Amino acid sequence: MTQWQANRAEKRSYWADQIRRWRESGLTQLAYCRLHEVKHHRLVYWRKQLSKGASSSSLVEISLNRPPHDENLHDISLRLLIGNRYRIEVARGFDPGVLHQLIYVLEQR
């Protein structure tokens, strides 16, 4: 492995870790970058670079723990519109962990 390849591998590892930490933080990209003194344009660049190797289409299984049936759960209390690609409607009594998992999976695409 050449020095250039070694440096590139180190950078990929560093930025993969930064992107993972940003996702886990729950912060916006800009807020995370400001807090951790990371250049926002570099985070955006590496997020795109690292996602190029990801499959363009795949199925991901998400297990849902359904709460007991309750008529009030059918009232939508939150609606998320993410561009023109996703529309997520969340009812009262939802499981925040499931919503977090869903958003994480959608961000991977």
PDB file of N, CA and C in Angstrom:
ATOM      1  N   MET A   1       0.855  -1.176   0.000  1.00  0.00           N
ATOM      2  CA  MET A   1       0.000   0.000   0.000  1.00  0.00           C
ATOM      3  C   MET A   1       0.897   1.234   0.000  1.00  0.00           C
ATOM      4  N   THR A   2       0.595   2.151  -0.892  1.00  0.00           N
ATOM      5  CA  THR A   2       1.386   3.373  -0.975  1.00  0.00           C
ATOM      6  C   THR A   2       1.005   4.318   0.168  1.00  0.00           C
ATOM      7  N   GLN A   3       1.817   5.327   0.378  1.00  0.00           N
ATOM      8  CA  GLN A   3       1.535   6.316   1.423  1.00  0.00           C
ATOM      9  C   GLN A   3       0.207   7.028   1.136  1.00  0.00           C
ATOM     10  N   TRP A   4      -0.032   7.337  -0.152  1.00  0.00           N
ATOM     11  CA  TRP A   4      -1.274   8.005  -0.529  1.00  0.00           C
ATOM     12  C   TRP A   4      -2.480   7.129  -0.173  1.00  0.00           C
ATOM     13  N   GLN A   5      -2.385   5.823  -0.468  1.00  0.00           N
ATOM     14  CA  GLN A   5      -3.487   4.909  -0.163  1.00  0.00           C
ATOM     15  C   GLN A   5      -3.700   4.802   1.344  1.00  0.00           C
ATOM     16  N   ALA A   6      -2.601   4.778   2.099  1.00  0.00           N
ATOM     17  CA  ALA A   6      -2.713   4.703   3.559  1.00  0.00           C
ATOM     18  C   ALA A   6      -3.393   5.954   4.100  1.00  0.00           C
ATOM     19  N   ASN A   7      -2.983   7.126   3.595  1.00  0.00           N
ATOM     20  CA  ASN A   7      -3.604   8.379   4.042  1.00  0.00           C
ATOM     21  C   ASN A   7      -5.087   8.409   3.693  1.00  0.00           C
ATOM     22  N   ARG A   8      -5.418   7.938   2.499  1.00  0.00           N
ATOM     23  CA  ARG A   8      -6.819   7.910   2.068  1.00  0.00           C
ATOM     24  C   ARG A   8      -7.638   6.983   2.971  1.00  0.00           C
ATOM     25  N   ALA A   9      -7.077   5.830   3.316  1.00  0.00           N
ATOM     26  CA  ALA A   9      -7.777   4.890   4.198  1.00  0.00           C
ATOM     27  C   ALA A   9      -7.990   5.507   5.581  1.00  0.00           C
ATOM     28  N   GLU A  10      -6.978   6.229   6.078  1.00  0.00           N
ATOM     29  CA  GLU A  10      -7.116   6.898   7.378  1.00  0.00           C
ATOM     30  C   GLU A  10      -8.201   7.966   7.324  1.00  0.00           C
ATOM     31  N   LYS A  11      -8.229   8.731   6.242  1.00  0.00           N
ATOM     32  CA  LYS A  11      -9.255   9.766   6.085  1.00  0.00           C
ATOM     33  C   LYS A  11     -10.642   9.147   6.014  1.00  0.00           C
ATOM     34  N   ARG A  12     -10.786   8.060   5.249  1.00  0.00           N
ATOM     35  CA  ARG A  12     -12.087   7.392   5.152  1.00  0.00           C
ATOM     36  C   ARG A  12     -12.559   6.930   6.533  1.00  0.00           C
ATOM     37  N   SER A  13     -11.642   6.357   7.298  1.00  0.00           N
ATOM     38  CA  SER A  13     -11.977   5.882   8.632  1.00  0.00           C
ATOM     39  C   SER A  13     -12.376   7.046   9.546  1.00  0.00           C
ATOM     40  N   TYR A  14     -11.594   8.130   9.495  1.00  0.00           N
ATOM     41  CA  TYR A  14     -11.872   9.308  10.321  1.00  0.00           C
ATOM     42  C   TYR A  14     -13.252   9.871   9.992  1.00  0.00           C
ATOM     43  N   TRP A  15     -13.536  10.043   8.684  1.00  0.00           N
ATOM     44  CA  TRP A  15     -14.798  10.653   8.299  1.00  0.00           C
ATOM     45  C   TRP A  15     -15.974   9.706   8.504  1.00  0.00           C
ATOM     46  N   ALA A  16     -15.776   8.427   8.356  1.00  0.00           N
ATOM     47  CA  ALA A  16     -16.847   7.470   8.649  1.00  0.00           C
ATOM     48  C   ALA A  16     -17.234   7.579  10.124  1.00  0.00           C
ATOM     49  N   ASP A  17     -16.219   7.744  10.984  1.00  0.00           N
ATOM     50  CA  ASP A  17     -16.479   7.906  12.414  1.00  0.00           C
ATOM     51  C   ASP A  17     -17.193   9.229  12.691  1.00  0.00           C
ATOM     52  N   GLN A  18     -16.762  10.308  12.043  1.00  0.00           N
ATOM     53  CA  GLN A  18     -17.414  11.606  12.230  1.00  0.00           C
ATOM     54  C   GLN A  18     -18.884  11.549  11.804  1.00  0.00           C
ATOM     55  N   ILE A  19     -19.135  10.905  10.680  1.00  0.00           N
ATOM     56  CA  ILE A  19     -20.515  10.807  10.171  1.00  0.00           C
ATOM     57  C   ILE A  19     -21.367   9.962  11.109  1.00  0.00           C
ATOM     58  N   ARG A  20     -20.803   8.871  11.610  1.00  0.00           N
ATOM     59  CA  ARG A  20     -21.536   8.038  12.571  1.00  0.00           C
ATOM     60  C   ARG A  20     -21.862   8.844  13.828  1.00  0.00           C
ATOM     61  N   ARG A  21     -20.886   9.585  14.336  1.00  0.00           N
ATOM     62  CA  ARG A  21     -21.087  10.395  15.546  1.00  0.00           C
ATOM     63  C   ARG A  21     -22.114  11.503  15.307  1.00  0.00           C
ATOM     64  N   TRP A  22     -22.075  12.111  14.093  1.00  0.00           N
ATOM     65  CA  TRP A  22     -23.064  13.140  13.776  1.00  0.00           C
ATOM     66  C   TRP A  22     -24.472  12.540  13.782  1.00  0.00           C
ATOM     67  N   ARG A  23     -24.640  11.387  13.127  1.00  0.00           N
ATOM     68  CA  ARG A  23     -25.968  10.754  13.072  1.00  0.00           C
ATOM     69  C   ARG A  23     -26.483  10.409  14.469  1.00  0.00           C
ATOM     70  N   GLU A  24     -25.596   9.894  15.303  1.00  0.00           N
ATOM     71  CA  GLU A  24     -25.997   9.500  16.650  1.00  0.00           C
ATOM     72  C   GLU A  24     -26.297  10.713  17.530  1.00  0.00           C
ATOM     73  N   SER A  25     -25.732  11.875  17.182  1.00  0.00           N
ATOM     74  CA  SER A  25     -25.914  13.071  18.011  1.00  0.00           C
ATOM     75  C   SER A  25     -27.323  13.632  17.937  1.00  0.00           C
ATOM     76  N   GLY A  26     -28.001  13.406  16.805  1.00  0.00           N
ATOM     77  CA  GLY A  26     -29.322  13.985  16.633  1.00  0.00           C
ATOM     78  C   GLY A  26     -29.284  15.454  16.217  1.00  0.00           C
ATOM     79  N   LEU A  27     -28.099  16.001  16.052  1.00  0.00           N
ATOM     80  CA  LEU A  27     -27.932  17.396  15.654  1.00  0.00           C
ATOM     81  C   LEU A  27     -28.007  17.530  14.136  1.00  0.00           C
ATOM     82  N   THR A  28     -28.244  18.753  13.676  1.00  0.00           N
ATOM     83  CA  THR A  28     -28.120  19.004  12.245  1.00  0.00           C
ATOM     84  C   THR A  28     -26.643  18.919  11.898  1.00  0.00           C
ATOM     85  N   GLN A  29     -26.339  18.773  10.618  1.00  0.00           N
ATOM     86  CA  GLN A  29     -24.938  18.716  10.202  1.00  0.00           C
ATOM     87  C   GLN A  29     -24.203  19.976  10.630  1.00  0.00           C
ATOM     88  N   LEU A  30     -24.810  21.123  10.387  1.00  0.00           N
ATOM     89  CA  LEU A  30     -24.164  22.391  10.701  1.00  0.00           C
ATOM     90  C   LEU A  30     -23.911  22.543  12.198  1.00  0.00           C
ATOM     91  N   ALA A  31     -24.890  22.191  13.016  1.00  0.00           N
ATOM     92  CA  ALA A  31     -24.728  22.297  14.468  1.00  0.00           C
ATOM     93  C   ALA A  31     -23.621  21.353  14.959  1.00  0.00           C
ATOM     94  N   TYR A  32     -23.603  20.131  14.423  1.00  0.00           N
ATOM     95  CA  TYR A  32     -22.563  19.179  14.811  1.00  0.00           C
ATOM     96  C   TYR A  32     -21.183  19.720  14.440  1.00  0.00           C
ATOM     97  N   CYS A  33     -21.064  20.245  13.228  1.00  0.00           N
ATOM     98  CA  CYS A  33     -19.772  20.753  12.753  1.00  0.00           C
ATOM     99  C   CYS A  33     -19.298  21.924  13.605  1.00  0.00           C
ATOM    100  N   ARG A  34     -20.202  22.812  13.944  1.00  0.00           N
ATOM    101  CA  ARG A  34     -19.818  23.946  14.797  1.00  0.00           C
ATOM    102  C   ARG A  34     -19.360  23.467  16.170  1.00  0.00           C
ATOM    103  N   LEU A  35     -20.106  22.555  16.741  1.00  0.00           N
ATOM    104  CA  LEU A  35     -19.796  22.056  18.079  1.00  0.00           C
ATOM    105  C   LEU A  35     -18.451  21.331  18.122  1.00  0.00           C
ATOM    106  N   HIS A  36     -18.151  20.578  17.081  1.00  0.00           N
ATOM    107  CA  HIS A  36     -16.935  19.760  17.059  1.00  0.00           C
ATOM    108  C   HIS A  36     -15.816  20.350  16.194  1.00  0.00           C
ATOM    109  N   GLU A  37     -16.024  21.595  15.764  1.00  0.00           N
ATOM    110  CA  GLU A  37     -15.023  22.303  14.965  1.00  0.00           C
ATOM    111  C   GLU A  37     -14.588  21.491  13.739  1.00  0.00           C
ATOM    112  N   VAL A  38     -15.600  21.023  13.034  1.00  0.00           N
ATOM    113  CA  VAL A  38     -15.407  20.252  11.797  1.00  0.00           C
ATOM    114  C   VAL A  38     -15.919  21.121  10.649  1.00  0.00           C
ATOM    115  N   LYS A  39     -15.201  21.153   9.562  1.00  0.00           N
ATOM    116  CA  LYS A  39     -15.644  21.936   8.404  1.00  0.00           C
ATOM    117  C   LYS A  39     -16.852  21.258   7.757  1.00  0.00           C
ATOM    118  N   HIS A  40     -17.939  22.026   7.685  1.00  0.00           N
ATOM    119  CA  HIS A  40     -19.199  21.490   7.180  1.00  0.00           C
ATOM    120  C   HIS A  40     -19.061  20.930   5.762  1.00  0.00           C
ATOM    121  N   HIS A  41     -18.376  21.643   4.886  1.00  0.00           N
ATOM    122  CA  HIS A  41     -18.259  21.171   3.507  1.00  0.00           C
ATOM    123  C   HIS A  41     -17.488  19.852   3.421  1.00  0.00           C
ATOM    124  N   ARG A  42     -16.572  19.607   4.363  1.00  0.00           N
ATOM    125  CA  ARG A  42     -15.842  18.337   4.369  1.00  0.00           C
ATOM    126  C   ARG A  42     -16.772  17.189   4.804  1.00  0.00           C
ATOM    127  N   LEU A  43     -17.615  17.460   5.799  1.00  0.00           N
ATOM    128  CA  LEU A  43     -18.569  16.441   6.245  1.00  0.00           C
ATOM    129  C   LEU A  43     -19.516  16.074   5.100  1.00  0.00           C
ATOM    130  N   VAL A  44     -20.017  17.081   4.390  1.00  0.00           N
ATOM    131  CA  VAL A  44     -20.913  16.840   3.254  1.00  0.00           C
ATOM    132  C   VAL A  44     -20.181  16.034   2.176  1.00  0.00           C
ATOM    133  N   TYR A  45     -18.950  16.439   1.854  1.00  0.00           N
ATOM    134  CA  TYR A  45     -18.158  15.742   0.831  1.00  0.00           C
ATOM    135  C   TYR A  45     -17.968  14.274   1.204  1.00  0.00           C
ATOM    136  N   TRP A  46     -17.528  14.015   2.428  1.00  0.00           N
ATOM    137  CA  TRP A  46     -17.237  12.633   2.818  1.00  0.00           C
ATOM    138  C   TRP A  46     -18.512  11.805   2.982  1.00  0.00           C
ATOM    139  N   ARG A  47     -19.593  12.430   3.376  1.00  0.00           N
ATOM    140  CA  ARG A  47     -20.852  11.695   3.458  1.00  0.00           C
ATOM    141  C   ARG A  47     -21.223  11.183   2.068  1.00  0.00           C
ATOM    142  N   LYS A  48     -21.057  12.044   1.048  1.00  0.00           N
ATOM    143  CA  LYS A  48     -21.339  11.624  -0.327  1.00  0.00           C
ATOM    144  C   LYS A  48     -20.350  10.560  -0.792  1.00  0.00           C
ATOM    145  N   GLN A  49     -19.071  10.750  -0.492  1.00  0.00           N
ATOM    146  CA  GLN A  49     -18.049   9.789  -0.913  1.00  0.00           C
ATOM    147  C   GLN A  49     -18.304   8.413  -0.305  1.00  0.00           C
ATOM    148  N   LEU A  50     -18.600   8.394   0.982  1.00  0.00           N
ATOM    149  CA  LEU A  50     -18.789   7.114   1.665  1.00  0.00           C
ATOM    150  C   LEU A  50     -20.105   6.445   1.282  1.00  0.00           C
ATOM    151  N   SER A  51     -21.085   7.229   0.855  1.00  0.00           N
ATOM    152  CA  SER A  51     -22.355   6.627   0.459  1.00  0.00           C
ATOM    153  C   SER A  51     -22.301   6.077  -0.956  1.00  0.00           C
ATOM    154  N   LYS A  52     -21.284   6.471  -1.742  1.00  0.00           N
ATOM    155  CA  LYS A  52     -21.165   5.960  -3.113  1.00  0.00           C
ATOM    156  C   LYS A  52     -20.983   4.445  -3.131  1.00  0.00           C
ATOM    157  N   GLY A  53     -20.317   3.908  -2.124  1.00  0.00           N
ATOM    158  CA  GLY A  53     -20.081   2.478  -2.072  1.00  0.00           C
ATOM    159  C   GLY A  53     -21.299   1.697  -1.611  1.00  0.00           C
ATOM    160  N   ALA A  54     -22.289   2.421  -1.067  1.00  0.00           N
ATOM    161  CA  ALA A  54     -23.484   1.746  -0.567  1.00  0.00           C
ATOM    162  C   ALA A  54     -24.375   1.334  -1.738  1.00  0.00           C
ATOM    163  N   SER A  55     -25.112   0.289  -1.550  1.00  0.00           N
ATOM    164  CA  SER A  55     -26.032  -0.193  -2.577  1.00  0.00           C
ATOM    165  C   SER A  55     -27.098   0.860  -2.853  1.00  0.00           C
ATOM    166  N   SER A  56     -27.458   1.019  -4.102  1.00  0.00           N
ATOM    167  CA  SER A  56     -28.454   2.022  -4.451  1.00  0.00           C
ATOM    168  C   SER A  56     -29.868   1.599  -4.065  1.00  0.00           C
ATOM    169  N   SER A  57     -30.111   0.318  -3.921  1.00  0.00           N
ATOM    170  CA  SER A  57     -31.420  -0.125  -3.462  1.00  0.00           C
ATOM    171  C   SER A  57     -31.246  -1.383  -2.628  1.00  0.00           C
ATOM    172  N   SER A  58     -31.940  -1.385  -1.526  1.00  0.00           N
ATOM    173  CA  SER A  58     -31.895  -2.549  -0.656  1.00  0.00           C
ATOM    174  C   SER A  58     -33.113  -2.529   0.247  1.00  0.00           C
ATOM    175  N   LEU A  59     -33.427  -3.662   0.793  1.00  0.00           N
ATOM    176  CA  LEU A  59     -34.514  -3.763   1.754  1.00  0.00           C
ATOM    177  C   LEU A  59     -33.910  -3.864   3.145  1.00  0.00           C
ATOM    178  N   VAL A  60     -34.500  -3.153   4.061  1.00  0.00           N
ATOM    179  CA  VAL A  60     -34.035  -3.173   5.433  1.00  0.00           C
ATOM    180  C   VAL A  60     -35.211  -3.544   6.315  1.00  0.00           C
ATOM    181  N   GLU A  61     -35.030  -4.551   7.135  1.00  0.00           N
ATOM    182  CA  GLU A  61     -36.099  -4.975   8.022  1.00  0.00           C
ATOM    183  C   GLU A  61     -36.095  -4.121   9.272  1.00  0.00           C
ATOM    184  N   ILE A  62     -37.244  -3.620   9.636  1.00  0.00           N
ATOM    185  CA  ILE A  62     -37.399  -2.851  10.870  1.00  0.00           C
ATOM    186  C   ILE A  62     -38.466  -3.558  11.681  1.00  0.00           C
ATOM    187  N   SER A  63     -38.129  -3.926  12.901  1.00  0.00           N
ATOM    188  CA  SER A  63     -39.120  -4.575  13.749  1.00  0.00           C
ATOM    189  C   SER A  63     -39.875  -3.498  14.521  1.00  0.00           C
ATOM    190  N   LEU A  64     -41.180  -3.644  14.550  1.00  0.00           N
ATOM    191  CA  LEU A  64     -42.029  -2.676  15.236  1.00  0.00           C
ATOM    192  C   LEU A  64     -42.683  -3.339  16.434  1.00  0.00           C
ATOM    193  N   ASN A  65     -42.550  -2.707  17.571  1.00  0.00           N
ATOM    194  CA  ASN A  65     -43.256  -3.154  18.759  1.00  0.00           C
ATOM    195  C   ASN A  65     -44.526  -2.323  18.833  1.00  0.00           C
ATOM    196  N   ARG A  66     -45.633  -2.939  18.508  1.00  0.00           N
ATOM    197  CA  ARG A  66     -46.890  -2.198  18.448  1.00  0.00           C
ATOM    198  C   ARG A  66     -47.481  -2.044  19.851  1.00  0.00           C
ATOM    199  N   PRO A  67     -47.930  -0.828  20.158  1.00  0.00           N
ATOM    200  CA  PRO A  67     -48.593  -0.627  21.447  1.00  0.00           C
ATOM    201  C   PRO A  67     -49.984  -1.256  21.404  1.00  0.00           C
ATOM    202  N   PRO A  68     -50.607  -1.438  22.554  1.00  0.00           N
ATOM    203  CA  PRO A  68     -51.969  -1.988  22.567  1.00  0.00           C
ATOM    204  C   PRO A  68     -52.900  -1.111  21.735  1.00  0.00           C
ATOM    205  N   HIS A  69     -53.911  -1.723  21.129  1.00  0.00           N
ATOM    206  CA  HIS A  69     -54.839  -0.987  20.274  1.00  0.00           C
ATOM    207  C   HIS A  69     -55.577   0.070  21.090  1.00  0.00           C
ATOM    208  N   ASP A  70     -55.586   1.268  20.558  1.00  0.00           N
ATOM    209  CA  ASP A  70     -56.261   2.382  21.206  1.00  0.00           C
ATOM    210  C   ASP A  70     -56.828   3.263  20.106  1.00  0.00           C
ATOM    211  N   GLU A  71     -58.098   3.574  20.176  1.00  0.00           N
ATOM    212  CA  GLU A  71     -58.743   4.380  19.135  1.00  0.00           C
ATOM    213  C   GLU A  71     -58.048   5.729  18.949  1.00  0.00           C
ATOM    214  N   ASN A  72     -57.509   6.313  20.021  1.00  0.00           N
ATOM    215  CA  ASN A  72     -56.873   7.628  19.929  1.00  0.00           C
ATOM    216  C   ASN A  72     -55.558   7.586  19.166  1.00  0.00           C
ATOM    217  N   LEU A  73     -54.988   6.404  18.993  1.00  0.00           N
ATOM    218  CA  LEU A  73     -53.719   6.301  18.283  1.00  0.00           C
ATOM    219  C   LEU A  73     -53.857   6.615  16.801  1.00  0.00           C
ATOM    220  N   HIS A  74     -55.078   6.618  16.302  1.00  0.00           N
ATOM    221  CA  HIS A  74     -55.272   6.874  14.888  1.00  0.00           C
ATOM    222  C   HIS A  74     -55.275   8.359  14.563  1.00  0.00           C
ATOM    223  N   ASP A  75     -55.290   9.199  15.574  1.00  0.00           N
ATOM    224  CA  ASP A  75     -55.190  10.638  15.347  1.00  0.00           C
ATOM    225  C   ASP A  75     -53.738  10.982  15.081  1.00  0.00           C
ATOM    226  N   ILE A  76     -53.473  11.570  13.938  1.00  0.00           N
ATOM    227  CA  ILE A  76     -52.105  11.933  13.591  1.00  0.00           C
ATOM    228  C   ILE A  76     -51.729  13.186  14.376  1.00  0.00           C
ATOM    229  N   SER A  77     -50.631  13.087  15.131  1.00  0.00           N
ATOM    230  CA  SER A  77     -50.189  14.246  15.904  1.00  0.00           C
ATOM    231  C   SER A  77     -48.913  14.854  15.339  1.00  0.00           C
ATOM    232  N   LEU A  78     -48.260  14.156  14.396  1.00  0.00           N
ATOM    233  CA  LEU A  78     -47.024  14.651  13.818  1.00  0.00           C
ATOM    234  C   LEU A  78     -46.920  14.141  12.385  1.00  0.00           C
ATOM    235  N   ARG A  79     -46.589  15.034  11.475  1.00  0.00           N
ATOM    236  CA  ARG A  79     -46.404  14.643  10.078  1.00  0.00           C
ATOM    237  C   ARG A  79     -45.045  15.161   9.635  1.00  0.00           C
ATOM    238  N   LEU A  80     -44.170  14.251   9.154  1.00  0.00           N
ATOM    239  CA  LEU A  80     -42.853  14.621   8.650  1.00  0.00           C
ATOM    240  C   LEU A  80     -42.864  14.483   7.139  1.00  0.00           C
ATOM    241  N   LEU A  81     -42.504  15.564   6.452  1.00  0.00           N
ATOM    242  CA  LEU A  81     -42.363  15.518   5.010  1.00  0.00           C
ATOM    243  C   LEU A  81     -40.893  15.745   4.717  1.00  0.00           C
ATOM    244  N   ILE A  82     -40.269  14.777   4.070  1.00  0.00           N
ATOM    245  CA  ILE A  82     -38.841  14.858   3.773  1.00  0.00           C
ATOM    246  C   ILE A  82     -38.713  14.950   2.258  1.00  0.00           C
ATOM    247  N   GLY A  83     -38.555  16.181   1.789  1.00  0.00           N
ATOM    248  CA  GLY A  83     -38.490  16.412   0.352  1.00  0.00           C
ATOM    249  C   GLY A  83     -39.749  15.883  -0.312  1.00  0.00           C
ATOM    250  N   ASN A  84     -39.588  15.348  -1.493  1.00  0.00           N
ATOM    251  CA  ASN A  84     -40.703  14.721  -2.193  1.00  0.00           C
ATOM    252  C   ASN A  84     -40.643  13.213  -2.084  1.00  0.00           C
ATOM    253  N   ARG A  85     -39.693  12.717  -1.269  1.00  0.00           N
ATOM    254  CA  ARG A  85     -39.475  11.271  -1.215  1.00  0.00           C
ATOM    255  C   ARG A  85     -40.258  10.576  -0.113  1.00  0.00           C
ATOM    256  N   TYR A  86     -40.378  11.215   1.067  1.00  0.00           N
ATOM    257  CA  TYR A  86     -40.942  10.508   2.209  1.00  0.00           C
ATOM    258  C   TYR A  86     -42.009  11.343   2.906  1.00  0.00           C
ATOM    259  N   ARG A  87     -43.027  10.663   3.373  1.00  0.00           N
ATOM    260  CA  ARG A  87     -44.068  11.271   4.195  1.00  0.00           C
ATOM    261  C   ARG A  87     -44.295  10.309   5.351  1.00  0.00           C
ATOM    262  N   ILE A  88     -44.051  10.765   6.547  1.00  0.00           N
ATOM    263  CA  ILE A  88     -44.182   9.922   7.731  1.00  0.00           C
ATOM    264  C   ILE A  88     -45.222  10.560   8.638  1.00  0.00           C
ATOM    265  N   GLU A  89     -46.236   9.812   8.983  1.00  0.00           N
ATOM    266  CA  GLU A  89     -47.264  10.294   9.880  1.00  0.00           C
ATOM    267  C   GLU A  89     -47.155   9.518  11.185  1.00  0.00           C
ATOM    268  N   VAL A  90     -47.091  10.250  12.268  1.00  0.00           N
ATOM    269  CA  VAL A  90     -46.876   9.641  13.585  1.00  0.00           C
ATOM    270  C   VAL A  90     -48.082   9.929  14.467  1.00  0.00           C
ATOM    271  N   ALA A  91     -48.604   8.887  15.074  1.00  0.00           N
ATOM    272  CA  ALA A  91     -49.768   9.020  15.944  1.00  0.00           C
ATOM    273  C   ALA A  91     -49.334   9.212  17.402  1.00  0.00           C
ATOM    274  N   ARG A  92     -50.259   9.699  18.185  1.00  0.00           N
ATOM    275  CA  ARG A  92     -49.989   9.817  19.621  1.00  0.00           C
ATOM    276  C   ARG A  92     -49.667   8.436  20.179  1.00  0.00           C
ATOM    277  N   GLY A  93     -48.749   8.385  21.118  1.00  0.00           N
ATOM    278  CA  GLY A  93     -48.388   7.119  21.726  1.00  0.00           C
ATOM    279  C   GLY A  93     -47.360   6.334  20.941  1.00  0.00           C
ATOM    280  N   PHE A  94     -46.707   6.972  19.944  1.00  0.00           N
ATOM    281  CA  PHE A  94     -45.722   6.262  19.132  1.00  0.00           C
ATOM    282  C   PHE A  94     -44.485   5.928  19.959  1.00  0.00           C
ATOM    283  N   ASP A  95     -43.697   4.996  19.440  1.00  0.00           N
ATOM    284  CA  ASP A  95     -42.438   4.599  20.080  1.00  0.00           C
ATOM    285  C   ASP A  95     -41.310   5.443  19.484  1.00  0.00           C
ATOM    286  N   PRO A  96     -40.708   6.355  20.248  1.00  0.00           N
ATOM    287  CA  PRO A  96     -39.642   7.213  19.707  1.00  0.00           C
ATOM    288  C   PRO A  96     -38.456   6.420  19.164  1.00  0.00           C
ATOM    289  N   GLY A  97     -38.172   5.273  19.734  1.00  0.00           N
ATOM    290  CA  GLY A  97     -37.063   4.447  19.261  1.00  0.00           C
ATOM    291  C   GLY A  97     -37.287   3.951  17.840  1.00  0.00           C
ATOM    292  N   VAL A  98     -38.529   3.597  17.527  1.00  0.00           N
ATOM    293  CA  VAL A  98     -38.857   3.132  16.186  1.00  0.00           C
ATOM    294  C   VAL A  98     -38.722   4.283  15.190  1.00  0.00           C
ATOM    295  N   LEU A  99     -39.191   5.472  15.582  1.00  0.00           N
ATOM    296  CA  LEU A  99     -39.052   6.634  14.702  1.00  0.00           C
ATOM    297  C   LEU A  99     -37.582   6.944  14.460  1.00  0.00           C
ATOM    298  N   HIS A 100     -36.774   6.867  15.490  1.00  0.00           N
ATOM    299  CA  HIS A 100     -35.325   7.107  15.357  1.00  0.00           C
ATOM    300  C   HIS A 100     -34.711   6.105  14.383  1.00  0.00           C
ATOM    301  N   GLN A 101     -35.072   4.826  14.513  1.00  0.00           N
ATOM    302  CA  GLN A 101     -34.567   3.787  13.603  1.00  0.00           C
ATOM    303  C   GLN A 101     -34.984   4.084  12.168  1.00  0.00           C
ATOM    304  N   LEU A 102     -36.228   4.460  11.981  1.00  0.00           N
ATOM    305  CA  LEU A 102     -36.732   4.736  10.637  1.00  0.00           C
ATOM    306  C   LEU A 102     -35.974   5.900  10.003  1.00  0.00           C
ATOM    307  N   ILE A 103     -35.775   6.972  10.737  1.00  0.00           N
ATOM    308  CA  ILE A 103     -35.050   8.125  10.205  1.00  0.00           C
ATOM    309  C   ILE A 103     -33.618   7.741   9.884  1.00  0.00           C
ATOM    310  N   TYR A 104     -32.992   6.944  10.735  1.00  0.00           N
ATOM    311  CA  TYR A 104     -31.631   6.500  10.481  1.00  0.00           C
ATOM    312  C   TYR A 104     -31.546   5.704   9.165  1.00  0.00           C
ATOM    313  N   VAL A 105     -32.492   4.802   8.962  1.00  0.00           N
ATOM    314  CA  VAL A 105     -32.502   3.989   7.746  1.00  0.00           C
ATOM    315  C   VAL A 105     -32.705   4.878   6.519  1.00  0.00           C
ATOM    316  N   LEU A 106     -33.610   5.852   6.617  1.00  0.00           N
ATOM    317  CA  LEU A 106     -33.862   6.732   5.483  1.00  0.00           C
ATOM    318  C   LEU A 106     -32.640   7.595   5.166  1.00  0.00           C
ATOM    319  N   GLU A 107     -31.892   7.995   6.179  1.00  0.00           N
ATOM    320  CA  GLU A 107     -30.691   8.784   5.951  1.00  0.00           C
ATOM    321  C   GLU A 107     -29.612   7.993   5.238  1.00  0.00           C
ATOM    322  N   GLN A 108     -29.654   6.679   5.354  1.00  0.00           N
ATOM    323  CA  GLN A 108     -28.644   5.836   4.713  1.00  0.00           C
ATOM    324  C   GLN A 108     -28.844   5.787   3.204  1.00  0.00           C
ATOM    325  N   ARG A 109     -29.996   6.172   2.728  1.00  0.00           N
ATOM    326  CA  ARG A 109     -30.323   6.077   1.293  1.00  0.00           C
ATOM    327  C   ARG A 109     -29.858   7.284   0.537  1.00  0.00           C
TER     328      ARG A 109
END
